[in-house]
Amino acid sequence: MKNCIECPWVVRNKNNDTIINHSKKWGKKHNCHMKIKGTNKKLWCNDTEFQCVGNKNYFVSSKTLFNLE
């Protein structure tokens, strides 16, 4: 699965860096802000159907890197 064109894990800016740093600091998964329509994106709701691909790849690689299960 590919990242969306505005994925915070690919496109770097101050707002995206804030999302990434929060996710890394607290170990939180987040939803893709492009897949959910409307003004209430529910970014931090852990919904596997809408999980951000970049965020998912980060957690998969960190589990492999640190041998976490």
C-alpha atoms as a PDB file:
ATOM      1  CA  MET A   1       0.000   0.000   0.000  1.00  0.00           C
ATOM      2  CA  LYS A   2       1.320   3.456  -0.893  1.00  0.00           C
ATOM      3  CA  ASN A   3       1.377   6.611   1.198  1.00  0.00           C
ATOM      4  CA  CYS A   4      -1.131   9.308   0.269  1.00  0.00           C
ATOM      5  CA  ILE A   5       0.204  12.429  -1.463  1.00  0.00           C
ATOM      6  CA  GLU A   6      -0.020  14.496   1.724  1.00  0.00           C
ATOM      7  CA  CYS A   7       1.245  11.857   4.170  1.00  0.00           C
ATOM      8  CA  PRO A   8       2.952  13.533   7.148  1.00  0.00           C
ATOM      9  CA  TRP A   9       5.573  10.765   7.095  1.00  0.00           C
ATOM     10  CA  VAL A  10       6.566  11.803   3.547  1.00  0.00           C
ATOM     11  CA  VAL A  11       5.760  15.517   3.241  1.00  0.00           C
ATOM     12  CA  ARG A  12       7.727  17.449   5.840  1.00  0.00           C
ATOM     13  CA  ASN A  13       6.443  20.693   7.349  1.00  0.00           C
ATOM     14  CA  LYS A  14       5.883  22.054  10.850  1.00  0.00           C
ATOM     15  CA  ASN A  15       2.361  20.638  11.215  1.00  0.00           C
ATOM     16  CA  ASN A  16       3.356  17.202   9.910  1.00  0.00           C
ATOM     17  CA  ASP A  17       6.426  17.127  12.154  1.00  0.00           C
ATOM     18  CA  THR A  18       4.135  17.769  15.124  1.00  0.00           C
ATOM     19  CA  ILE A  19       1.968  14.776  14.182  1.00  0.00           C
ATOM     20  CA  ILE A  20       5.003  12.524  13.699  1.00  0.00           C
ATOM     21  CA  ASN A  21       6.714  13.590  16.922  1.00  0.00           C
ATOM     22  CA  HIS A  22       3.516  13.098  18.957  1.00  0.00           C
ATOM     23  CA  SER A  23       3.021   9.645  17.442  1.00  0.00           C
ATOM     24  CA  LYS A  24       6.611   8.609  18.174  1.00  0.00           C
ATOM     25  CA  LYS A  25       6.693  10.099  21.685  1.00  0.00           C
ATOM     26  CA  TRP A  26       3.492   8.439  22.877  1.00  0.00           C
ATOM     27  CA  GLY A  27       3.543   5.347  20.625  1.00  0.00           C
ATOM     28  CA  LYS A  28       0.178   6.341  19.148  1.00  0.00           C
ATOM     29  CA  LYS A  29      -1.205   5.120  15.863  1.00  0.00           C
ATOM     30  CA  HIS A  30      -3.144   7.627  13.816  1.00  0.00           C
ATOM     31  CA  ASN A  31      -5.603   7.658  10.947  1.00  0.00           C
ATOM     32  CA  CYS A  32      -4.933   9.031   7.481  1.00  0.00           C
ATOM     33  CA  HIS A  33      -6.302  12.558   7.311  1.00  0.00           C
ATOM     34  CA  MET A  34      -7.079  12.140   3.582  1.00  0.00           C
ATOM     35  CA  LYS A  35      -9.331   9.048   3.809  1.00  0.00           C
ATOM     36  CA  ILE A  36     -11.832  10.434   6.301  1.00  0.00           C
ATOM     37  CA  LYS A  37     -14.177  13.060   4.854  1.00  0.00           C
ATOM     38  CA  GLY A  38     -15.527  16.064   6.763  1.00  0.00           C
ATOM     39  CA  THR A  39     -14.136  18.483   9.293  1.00  0.00           C
ATOM     40  CA  ASN A  40     -13.809  16.039  12.192  1.00  0.00           C
ATOM     41  CA  LYS A  41     -10.993  13.787  10.961  1.00  0.00           C
ATOM     42  CA  LYS A  42     -10.624  11.845  14.236  1.00  0.00           C
ATOM     43  CA  LEU A  43      -6.892  11.694  13.593  1.00  0.00           C
ATOM     44  CA  TRP A  44      -5.987   9.922  16.831  1.00  0.00           C
ATOM     45  CA  CYS A  45      -8.783   7.318  16.821  1.00  0.00           C
ATOM     46  CA  ASN A  46      -7.173   3.939  16.318  1.00  0.00           C
ATOM     47  CA  ASP A  47      -9.161   2.604  13.354  1.00  0.00           C
ATOM     48  CA  THR A  48      -7.212  -0.040  11.411  1.00  0.00           C
ATOM     49  CA  GLU A  49      -9.308   0.575   8.282  1.00  0.00           C
ATOM     50  CA  PHE A  50      -8.154   4.203   8.099  1.00  0.00           C
ATOM     51  CA  GLN A  51      -4.678   3.932   9.673  1.00  0.00           C
ATOM     52  CA  CYS A  52      -2.056   6.111   8.014  1.00  0.00           C
ATOM     53  CA  VAL A  53       0.234   3.981   5.820  1.00  0.00           C
ATOM     54  CA  GLY A  54       3.362   5.899   6.858  1.00  0.00           C
ATOM     55  CA  ASN A  55       2.443   5.480  10.519  1.00  0.00           C
ATOM     56  CA  LYS A  56       1.760   1.777  10.022  1.00  0.00           C
ATOM     57  CA  ASN A  57       5.124   1.290   8.270  1.00  0.00           C
ATOM     58  CA  TYR A  58       6.891   3.101  11.129  1.00  0.00           C
ATOM     59  CA  PHE A  59       5.402   0.796  13.762  1.00  0.00           C
ATOM     60  CA  VAL A  60       6.121  -2.326  11.689  1.00  0.00           C
ATOM     61  CA  SER A  61       9.755  -1.284  11.177  1.00  0.00           C
ATOM     62  CA  SER A  62      10.235  -0.301  14.830  1.00  0.00           C
ATOM     63  CA  LYS A  63       8.888  -3.686  15.971  1.00  0.00           C
ATOM     64  CA  THR A  64      11.346  -5.405  13.622  1.00  0.00           C
ATOM     65  CA  LEU A  65      14.197  -3.121  14.664  1.00  0.00           C
ATOM     66  CA  PHE A  66      13.657  -3.634  18.393  1.00  0.00           C
ATOM     67  CA  ASN A  67      12.332  -7.227  18.203  1.00  0.00           C
ATOM     68  CA  LEU A  68       9.038  -6.254  19.835  1.00  0.00           C
ATOM     69  CA  GLU A  69       5.995  -8.493  19.616  1.00  0.00           C
END
